[in-house]
């Protein structure tokens, strides 16, 4: 698997955890768990930044290849 695929899988899993944490706060009427929402949001942000950097590198590589042809 490529690095981008692994990053997307990690992003989806962290998004599911984020939704689960928010749902638990709503159902339990705000009885804590806010830290897990913050942590999962931070993890999602960092994974997305890494994914976008990888995509930019790949796109730049493709642009160089097409320009040299």
PDB file of N, CA and C in Angstrom:
ATOM      1  N   UNK A   1       0.840  -1.186   0.000  1.00  0.00           N
ATOM      2  CA  UNK A   1       0.000   0.000   0.000  1.00  0.00           C
ATOM      3  C   UNK A   1       0.881   1.245   0.000  1.00  0.00           C
ATOM      4  N   UNK A   2       0.401   2.251  -0.659  1.00  0.00           N
ATOM      5  CA  UNK A   2       1.157   3.498  -0.696  1.00  0.00           C
ATOM      6  C   UNK A   2       0.942   4.280   0.603  1.00  0.00           C
ATOM      7  N   UNK A   3       1.801   5.251   0.805  1.00  0.00           N
ATOM      8  CA  UNK A   3       1.726   6.067   2.015  1.00  0.00           C
ATOM      9  C   UNK A   3       0.422   6.859   2.057  1.00  0.00           C
ATOM     10  N   UNK A   4      -0.032   7.321   0.899  1.00  0.00           N
ATOM     11  CA  UNK A   4      -1.282   8.074   0.851  1.00  0.00           C
ATOM     12  C   UNK A   4      -2.469   7.218   1.268  1.00  0.00           C
ATOM     13  N   UNK A   5      -2.480   5.959   0.849  1.00  0.00           N
ATOM     14  CA  UNK A   5      -3.579   5.060   1.213  1.00  0.00           C
ATOM     15  C   UNK A   5      -3.610   4.830   2.714  1.00  0.00           C
ATOM     16  N   UNK A   6      -2.454   4.605   3.299  1.00  0.00           N
ATOM     17  CA  UNK A   6      -2.378   4.398   4.751  1.00  0.00           C
ATOM     18  C   UNK A   6      -2.843   5.644   5.489  1.00  0.00           C
ATOM     19  N   UNK A   7      -2.443   6.809   5.009  1.00  0.00           N
ATOM     20  CA  UNK A   7      -2.870   8.051   5.647  1.00  0.00           C
ATOM     21  C   UNK A   7      -4.384   8.239   5.552  1.00  0.00           C
ATOM     22  N   UNK A   8      -4.966   7.906   4.417  1.00  0.00           N
ATOM     23  CA  UNK A   8      -6.424   8.027   4.281  1.00  0.00           C
ATOM     24  C   UNK A   8      -7.156   7.060   5.202  1.00  0.00           C
ATOM     25  N   UNK A   9      -6.645   5.850   5.338  1.00  0.00           N
ATOM     26  CA  UNK A   9      -7.263   4.882   6.252  1.00  0.00           C
ATOM     27  C   UNK A   9      -7.173   5.394   7.689  1.00  0.00           C
ATOM     28  N   UNK A  10      -6.015   5.925   8.066  1.00  0.00           N
ATOM     29  CA  UNK A  10      -5.855   6.487   9.411  1.00  0.00           C
ATOM     30  C   UNK A  10      -6.805   7.658   9.625  1.00  0.00           C
ATOM     31  N   UNK A  11      -6.984   8.485   8.600  1.00  0.00           N
ATOM     32  CA  UNK A  11      -7.876   9.630   8.716  1.00  0.00           C
ATOM     33  C   UNK A  11      -9.324   9.182   8.927  1.00  0.00           C
ATOM     34  N   UNK A  12      -9.746   8.183   8.176  1.00  0.00           N
ATOM     35  CA  UNK A  12     -11.118   7.690   8.319  1.00  0.00           C
ATOM     36  C   UNK A  12     -11.336   7.105   9.708  1.00  0.00           C
ATOM     37  N   UNK A  13     -10.375   6.347  10.203  1.00  0.00           N
ATOM     38  CA  UNK A  13     -10.507   5.772  11.546  1.00  0.00           C
ATOM     39  C   UNK A  13     -10.554   6.860  12.616  1.00  0.00           C
ATOM     40  N   UNK A  14      -9.720   7.873  12.493  1.00  0.00           N
ATOM     41  CA  UNK A  14      -9.742   8.951  13.483  1.00  0.00           C
ATOM     42  C   UNK A  14     -11.031   9.764  13.364  1.00  0.00           C
ATOM     43  N   UNK A  15     -11.559   9.919  12.147  1.00  0.00           N
ATOM     44  CA  UNK A  15     -12.839  10.610  11.980  1.00  0.00           C
ATOM     45  C   UNK A  15     -13.971   9.826  12.647  1.00  0.00           C
ATOM     46  N   UNK A  16     -13.951   8.508  12.486  1.00  0.00           N
ATOM     47  CA  UNK A  16     -14.973   7.676  13.143  1.00  0.00           C
ATOM     48  C   UNK A  16     -14.875   7.802  14.663  1.00  0.00           C
ATOM     49  N   UNK A  17     -13.654   7.838  15.198  1.00  0.00           N
ATOM     50  CA  UNK A  17     -13.469   8.013  16.632  1.00  0.00           C
ATOM     51  C   UNK A  17     -13.966   9.382  17.078  1.00  0.00           C
ATOM     52  N   UNK A  18     -13.734  10.415  16.263  1.00  0.00           N
ATOM     53  CA  UNK A  18     -14.211  11.754  16.577  1.00  0.00           C
ATOM     54  C   UNK A  18     -15.740  11.779  16.645  1.00  0.00           C
ATOM     55  N   UNK A  19     -16.378  11.186  15.655  1.00  0.00           N
ATOM     56  CA  UNK A  19     -17.853  11.155  15.632  1.00  0.00           C
ATOM     57  C   UNK A  19     -18.380  10.379  16.837  1.00  0.00           C
ATOM     58  N   UNK A  20     -17.716   9.273  17.167  1.00  0.00           N
ATOM     59  CA  UNK A  20     -18.119   8.481  18.327  1.00  0.00           C
ATOM     60  C   UNK A  20     -18.012   9.304  19.613  1.00  0.00           C
ATOM     61  N   UNK A  21     -16.927  10.061  19.752  1.00  0.00           N
ATOM     62  CA  UNK A  21     -16.733  10.873  20.951  1.00  0.00           C
ATOM     63  C   UNK A  21     -17.795  11.959  21.055  1.00  0.00           C
ATOM     64  N   UNK A  22     -18.088  12.614  19.950  1.00  0.00           N
ATOM     65  CA  UNK A  22     -19.118  13.657  19.953  1.00  0.00           C
ATOM     66  C   UNK A  22     -20.478  13.049  20.279  1.00  0.00           C
ATOM     67  N   UNK A  23     -20.765  11.899  19.692  1.00  0.00           N
ATOM     68  CA  UNK A  23     -22.042  11.232  19.949  1.00  0.00           C
ATOM     69  C   UNK A  23     -22.181  10.859  21.424  1.00  0.00           C
ATOM     70  N   UNK A  24     -21.098  10.370  22.020  1.00  0.00           N
ATOM     71  CA  UNK A  24     -21.148  10.003  23.438  1.00  0.00           C
ATOM     72  C   UNK A  24     -21.381  11.219  24.314  1.00  0.00           C
ATOM     73  N   UNK A  25     -20.815  12.362  23.959  1.00  0.00           N
ATOM     74  CA  UNK A  25     -21.043  13.579  24.740  1.00  0.00           C
ATOM     75  C   UNK A  25     -22.500  14.000  24.636  1.00  0.00           C
ATOM     76  N   UNK A  26     -23.060  13.913  23.430  1.00  0.00           N
ATOM     77  CA  UNK A  26     -24.458  14.313  23.237  1.00  0.00           C
ATOM     78  C   UNK A  26     -25.400  13.374  23.978  1.00  0.00           C
ATOM     79  N   UNK A  27     -25.167  12.066  23.853  1.00  0.00           N
ATOM     80  CA  UNK A  27     -26.062  11.092  24.484  1.00  0.00           C
ATOM     81  C   UNK A  27     -25.960  11.139  26.005  1.00  0.00           C
ATOM     82  N   UNK A  28     -24.737  11.273  26.513  1.00  0.00           N
ATOM     83  CA  UNK A  28     -24.549  11.308  27.967  1.00  0.00           C
ATOM     84  C   UNK A  28     -24.721  12.705  28.542  1.00  0.00           C
ATOM     85  N   UNK A  29     -25.220  13.613  27.744  1.00  0.00           N
ATOM     86  CA  UNK A  29     -25.544  14.979  28.140  1.00  0.00           C
ATOM     87  C   UNK A  29     -24.355  15.705  28.748  1.00  0.00           C
ATOM     88  N   UNK A  30     -23.220  15.603  28.085  1.00  0.00           N
ATOM     89  CA  UNK A  30     -22.060  16.390  28.472  1.00  0.00           C
ATOM     90  C   UNK A  30     -21.378  15.966  29.753  1.00  0.00           C
ATOM     91  N   UNK A  31     -21.253  14.678  29.982  1.00  0.00           N
ATOM     92  CA  UNK A  31     -20.618  14.208  31.214  1.00  0.00           C
ATOM     93  C   UNK A  31     -19.138  13.943  31.007  1.00  0.00           C
ATOM     94  N   UNK A  32     -18.442  14.850  30.376  1.00  0.00           N
ATOM     95  CA  UNK A  32     -17.003  14.697  30.180  1.00  0.00           C
ATOM     96  C   UNK A  32     -16.684  14.106  28.821  1.00  0.00           C
ATOM     97  N   UNK A  33     -15.429  13.760  28.617  1.00  0.00           N
ATOM     98  CA  UNK A  33     -15.002  13.198  27.349  1.00  0.00           C
ATOM     99  C   UNK A  33     -14.604  14.236  26.335  1.00  0.00           C
ATOM    100  N   UNK A  34     -14.532  15.479  26.774  1.00  0.00           N
ATOM    101  CA  UNK A  34     -14.184  16.550  25.844  1.00  0.00           C
ATOM    102  C   UNK A  34     -12.735  16.435  25.386  1.00  0.00           C
ATOM    103  N   UNK A  35     -11.883  15.895  26.239  1.00  0.00           N
ATOM    104  CA  UNK A  35     -10.481  15.725  25.887  1.00  0.00           C
ATOM    105  C   UNK A  35     -10.298  14.809  24.698  1.00  0.00           C
ATOM    106  N   UNK A  36     -11.100  13.760  24.621  1.00  0.00           N
ATOM    107  CA  UNK A  36     -10.989  12.821  23.506  1.00  0.00           C
ATOM    108  C   UNK A  36     -11.421  13.481  22.198  1.00  0.00           C
ATOM    109  N   UNK A  37     -12.372  14.385  22.258  1.00  0.00           N
ATOM    110  CA  UNK A  37     -12.789  15.114  21.063  1.00  0.00           C
ATOM    111  C   UNK A  37     -11.641  15.990  20.586  1.00  0.00           C
ATOM    112  N   UNK A  38     -11.000  16.672  21.515  1.00  0.00           N
ATOM    113  CA  UNK A  38      -9.887  17.549  21.158  1.00  0.00           C
ATOM    114  C   UNK A  38      -8.724  16.742  20.602  1.00  0.00           C
ATOM    115  N   UNK A  39      -8.388  15.633  21.265  1.00  0.00           N
ATOM    116  CA  UNK A  39      -7.277  14.796  20.801  1.00  0.00           C
ATOM    117  C   UNK A  39      -7.568  14.229  19.414  1.00  0.00           C
ATOM    118  N   UNK A  40      -8.763  13.717  19.202  1.00  0.00           N
ATOM    119  CA  UNK A  40      -9.072  13.131  17.893  1.00  0.00           C
ATOM    120  C   UNK A  40      -9.110  14.214  16.807  1.00  0.00           C
ATOM    121  N   UNK A  41      -9.554  15.419  17.141  1.00  0.00           N
ATOM    122  CA  UNK A  41      -9.531  16.513  16.158  1.00  0.00           C
ATOM    123  C   UNK A  41      -8.094  16.894  15.805  1.00  0.00           C
ATOM    124  N   UNK A  42      -7.214  16.916  16.793  1.00  0.00           N
ATOM    125  CA  UNK A  42      -5.806  17.216  16.523  1.00  0.00           C
ATOM    126  C   UNK A  42      -5.161  16.131  15.667  1.00  0.00           C
ATOM    127  N   UNK A  43      -5.461  14.883  15.970  1.00  0.00           N
ATOM    128  CA  UNK A  43      -4.915  13.772  15.181  1.00  0.00           C
ATOM    129  C   UNK A  43      -5.396  13.870  13.744  1.00  0.00           C
ATOM    130  N   UNK A  44      -6.683  14.153  13.557  1.00  0.00           N
ATOM    131  CA  UNK A  44      -7.219  14.295  12.202  1.00  0.00           C
ATOM    132  C   UNK A  44      -6.521  15.436  11.467  1.00  0.00           C
ATOM    133  N   UNK A  45      -6.260  16.545  12.157  1.00  0.00           N
ATOM    134  CA  UNK A  45      -5.598  17.687  11.534  1.00  0.00           C
ATOM    135  C   UNK A  45      -4.189  17.326  11.083  1.00  0.00           C
ATOM    136  N   UNK A  46      -3.427  16.665  11.954  1.00  0.00           N
ATOM    137  CA  UNK A  46      -2.056  16.304  11.594  1.00  0.00           C
ATOM    138  C   UNK A  46      -2.013  15.283  10.463  1.00  0.00           C
ATOM    139  N   UNK A  47      -2.912  14.314  10.491  1.00  0.00           N
ATOM    140  CA  UNK A  47      -2.945  13.316   9.414  1.00  0.00           C
ATOM    141  C   UNK A  47      -3.292  13.993   8.089  1.00  0.00           C
ATOM    142  N   UNK A  48      -4.256  14.897   8.111  1.00  0.00           N
ATOM    143  CA  UNK A  48      -4.652  15.593   6.887  1.00  0.00           C
ATOM    144  C   UNK A  48      -3.509  16.450   6.351  1.00  0.00           C
ATOM    145  N   UNK A  49      -2.769  17.119   7.233  1.00  0.00           N
ATOM    146  CA  UNK A  49      -1.625  17.924   6.783  1.00  0.00           C
ATOM    147  C   UNK A  49      -0.567  17.057   6.122  1.00  0.00           C
ATOM    148  N   UNK A  50      -0.268  15.906   6.721  1.00  0.00           N
ATOM    149  CA  UNK A  50       0.730  14.997   6.147  1.00  0.00           C
ATOM    150  C   UNK A  50       0.245  14.480   4.796  1.00  0.00           C
ATOM    151  N   UNK A  51      -1.027  14.120   4.705  1.00  0.00           N
ATOM    152  CA  UNK A  51      -1.591  13.628   3.443  1.00  0.00           C
ATOM    153  C   UNK A  51      -1.481  14.685   2.347  1.00  0.00           C
ATOM    154  N   UNK A  52      -1.822  15.922   2.684  1.00  0.00           N
ATOM    155  CA  UNK A  52      -1.772  16.985   1.686  1.00  0.00           C
ATOM    156  C   UNK A  52      -0.340  17.273   1.243  1.00  0.00           C
ATOM    157  N   UNK A  53       0.627  17.158   2.150  1.00  0.00           N
ATOM    158  CA  UNK A  53       2.030  17.323   1.772  1.00  0.00           C
ATOM    159  C   UNK A  53       2.454  16.230   0.798  1.00  0.00           C
ATOM    160  N   UNK A  54       2.040  14.991   1.086  1.00  0.00           N
ATOM    161  CA  UNK A  54       2.381  13.878   0.194  1.00  0.00           C
ATOM    162  C   UNK A  54       1.750  14.070  -1.179  1.00  0.00           C
ATOM    163  N   UNK A  55       0.513  14.522  -1.191  1.00  0.00           N
ATOM    164  CA  UNK A  55      -0.173  14.740  -2.459  1.00  0.00           C
ATOM    165  C   UNK A  55       0.498  15.854  -3.255  1.00  0.00           C
ATOM    166  N   UNK A  56       0.937  16.903  -2.562  1.00  0.00           N
ATOM    167  CA  UNK A  56       1.617  18.011  -3.231  1.00  0.00           C
ATOM    168  C   UNK A  56       2.942  17.538  -3.822  1.00  0.00           C
ATOM    169  N   UNK A  57       3.676  16.703  -3.069  1.00  0.00           N
ATOM    170  CA  UNK A  57       4.937  16.158  -3.584  1.00  0.00           C
ATOM    171  C   UNK A  57       4.698  15.339  -4.844  1.00  0.00           C
ATOM    172  N   UNK A  58       3.671  14.477  -4.790  1.00  0.00           N
ATOM    173  CA  UNK A  58       3.371  13.619  -5.933  1.00  0.00           C
ATOM    174  C   UNK A  58       2.933  14.445  -7.138  1.00  0.00           C
ATOM    175  N   UNK A  59       2.124  15.455  -6.885  1.00  0.00           N
ATOM    176  CA  UNK A  59       1.657  16.296  -7.991  1.00  0.00           C
ATOM    177  C   UNK A  59       2.825  17.072  -8.602  1.00  0.00           C
ATOM    178  N   UNK A  60       3.727  17.576  -7.764  1.00  0.00           N
ATOM    179  CA  UNK A  60       4.903  18.270  -8.266  1.00  0.00           C
ATOM    180  C   UNK A  60       5.793  17.357  -9.081  1.00  0.00           C
ATOM    181  N   UNK A  61       5.899  16.120  -8.656  1.00  0.00           N
ATOM    182  CA  UNK A  61       6.698  15.130  -9.382  1.00  0.00           C
ATOM    183  C   UNK A  61       6.078  14.861 -10.761  1.00  0.00           C
ATOM    184  N   UNK A  62       4.751  14.770 -10.824  1.00  0.00           N
ATOM    185  CA  UNK A  62       4.069  14.534 -12.087  1.00  0.00           C
ATOM    186  C   UNK A  62       4.222  15.745 -13.006  1.00  0.00           C
ATOM    187  N   UNK A  63       4.175  16.948 -12.437  1.00  0.00           N
ATOM    188  CA  UNK A  63       4.341  18.161 -13.254  1.00  0.00           C
ATOM    189  C   UNK A  63       5.726  18.225 -13.869  1.00  0.00           C
ATOM    190  N   UNK A  64       6.728  17.828 -13.105  1.00  0.00           N
ATOM    191  CA  UNK A  64       8.100  17.826 -13.622  1.00  0.00           C
ATOM    192  C   UNK A  64       8.238  16.812 -14.740  1.00  0.00           C
ATOM    193  N   UNK A  65       7.622  15.644 -14.575  1.00  0.00           N
ATOM    194  CA  UNK A  65       7.683  14.610 -15.600  1.00  0.00           C
ATOM    195  C   UNK A  65       6.988  15.058 -16.892  1.00  0.00           C
ATOM    196  N   UNK A  66       5.842  15.706 -16.775  1.00  0.00           N
ATOM    197  CA  UNK A  66       5.126  16.153 -17.970  1.00  0.00           C
ATOM    198  C   UNK A  66       5.848  17.318 -18.640  1.00  0.00           C
ATOM    199  N   UNK A  67       6.520  18.154 -17.847  1.00  0.00           N
ATOM    200  CA  UNK A  67       7.245  19.294 -18.428  1.00  0.00           C
ATOM    201  C   UNK A  67       8.484  18.818 -19.190  1.00  0.00           C
ATOM    202  N   UNK A  68       9.076  17.711 -18.751  1.00  0.00           N
ATOM    203  CA  UNK A  68      10.290  17.222 -19.416  1.00  0.00           C
ATOM    204  C   UNK A  68       9.976  16.455 -20.691  1.00  0.00           C
ATOM    205  N   UNK A  69       8.734  16.094 -20.890  1.00  0.00           N
ATOM    206  CA  UNK A  69       8.373  15.326 -22.094  1.00  0.00           C
ATOM    207  C   UNK A  69       8.133  16.198 -23.284  1.00  0.00           C
TER     208      UNK A  69
END
